Protein backbone atom coordinates (compact mmCIF):
# COMPACT_ATOMS: atom_id res chain seq x y z
CA UNK A 1 10.82 7.74 1.05
CA UNK A 2 12.34 10.81 -0.85
CA UNK A 3 10.48 10.03 -4.19
CA UNK A 4 7.72 12.38 -5.73
CA UNK A 5 4.26 11.23 -5.32
CA UNK A 6 4.31 10.72 -8.81
CA UNK A 7 6.24 7.73 -8.92
CA UNK A 8 4.57 6.30 -5.90
CA UNK A 9 1.20 4.81 -5.37
CA UNK A 10 -0.91 4.30 -2.42
CA UNK A 11 -1.58 0.61 -1.50
CA UNK A 12 -3.27 -1.24 1.16
CA UNK A 13 -2.96 -4.95 1.95
CA UNK A 14 -5.92 -7.19 0.91
CA UNK A 15 -7.29 -9.73 3.47
CA UNK A 16 -4.68 -9.03 6.33
CA UNK A 17 -1.73 -10.06 4.26
CA UNK A 18 1.41 -9.29 5.92
CA UNK A 19 3.80 -7.62 3.56
CA UNK A 20 7.24 -6.30 4.31
CA UNK A 21 8.12 -3.34 2.05
CA UNK A 22 11.28 -4.05 0.65
CA UNK A 23 12.68 -0.22 0.37
CA UNK A 24 12.24 0.26 4.47
CA UNK A 25 12.11 -3.31 5.77
CA UNK A 26 8.83 -2.08 7.52
CA UNK A 27 5.56 -3.97 7.71
CA UNK A 28 2.96 -2.85 5.33
CA UNK A 29 0.40 -1.33 7.83
CA UNK A 30 -3.48 -2.38 7.21
CA UNK A 31 -3.96 1.56 6.55
CA UNK A 32 -1.98 1.34 3.88
CA UNK A 33 1.47 3.50 2.69
CA UNK A 34 2.84 5.06 -0.30
CA UNK A 35 5.10 2.65 -2.03
CA UNK A 36 7.38 3.21 -5.28
CA UNK A 37 5.68 2.49 -8.56
CA UNK A 38 8.02 -1.02 -9.34
CA UNK A 39 7.97 -4.49 -10.62
CA UNK A 40 7.73 -5.70 -6.98
CA UNK A 41 4.51 -3.67 -6.14
CA UNK A 42 2.99 -4.25 -9.88
CA UNK A 43 3.13 -8.24 -8.90
CA UNK A 44 1.60 -7.50 -5.46
CA UNK A 45 -1.20 -5.87 -7.38
CA UNK A 46 -1.32 -8.38 -10.31
CA UNK A 47 -1.45 -11.22 -7.59
CA UNK A 48 -4.02 -9.36 -5.48
CA UNK A 49 -2.20 -9.32 -2.39
CA UNK A 50 -2.50 -5.22 -2.30
CA UNK A 51 -5.06 -3.04 -3.56
CA UNK A 52 -4.40 0.52 -5.21
CA UNK A 53 -6.43 3.32 -3.35
CA UNK A 54 -6.72 6.66 -2.60
CA UNK A 55 -5.15 7.70 0.65
CA UNK A 56 -8.02 9.52 2.03
CA UNK A 57 -10.61 7.03 1.13
CA UNK A 58 -8.35 4.47 2.79
CA UNK A 59 -8.56 6.54 6.11
CA UNK A 60 -12.26 6.87 5.67
CA UNK A 61 -12.86 3.08 5.40
CA UNK A 62 -10.55 2.53 8.60
CA UNK A 63 -12.28 5.40 10.59
CA UNK A 64 -15.75 3.86 9.65
CA UNK A 65 -14.94 0.40 10.69
CA UNK A 66 -14.64 1.56 14.42
């Protein structure tokens, strides 16, 4: 995605929920990804399907789990 990070949020799926990133057609991996700040992702946040986090924080949690 070639959008500015200012228009993006970093999210990761909650409770192993499988989500497809509509913009790319790819699955949202457990480590998380930057996605656009748009209505789709705000609904996912509101519904509890994803959590917004810091990318460095997400990588640290994944590596701590090993």
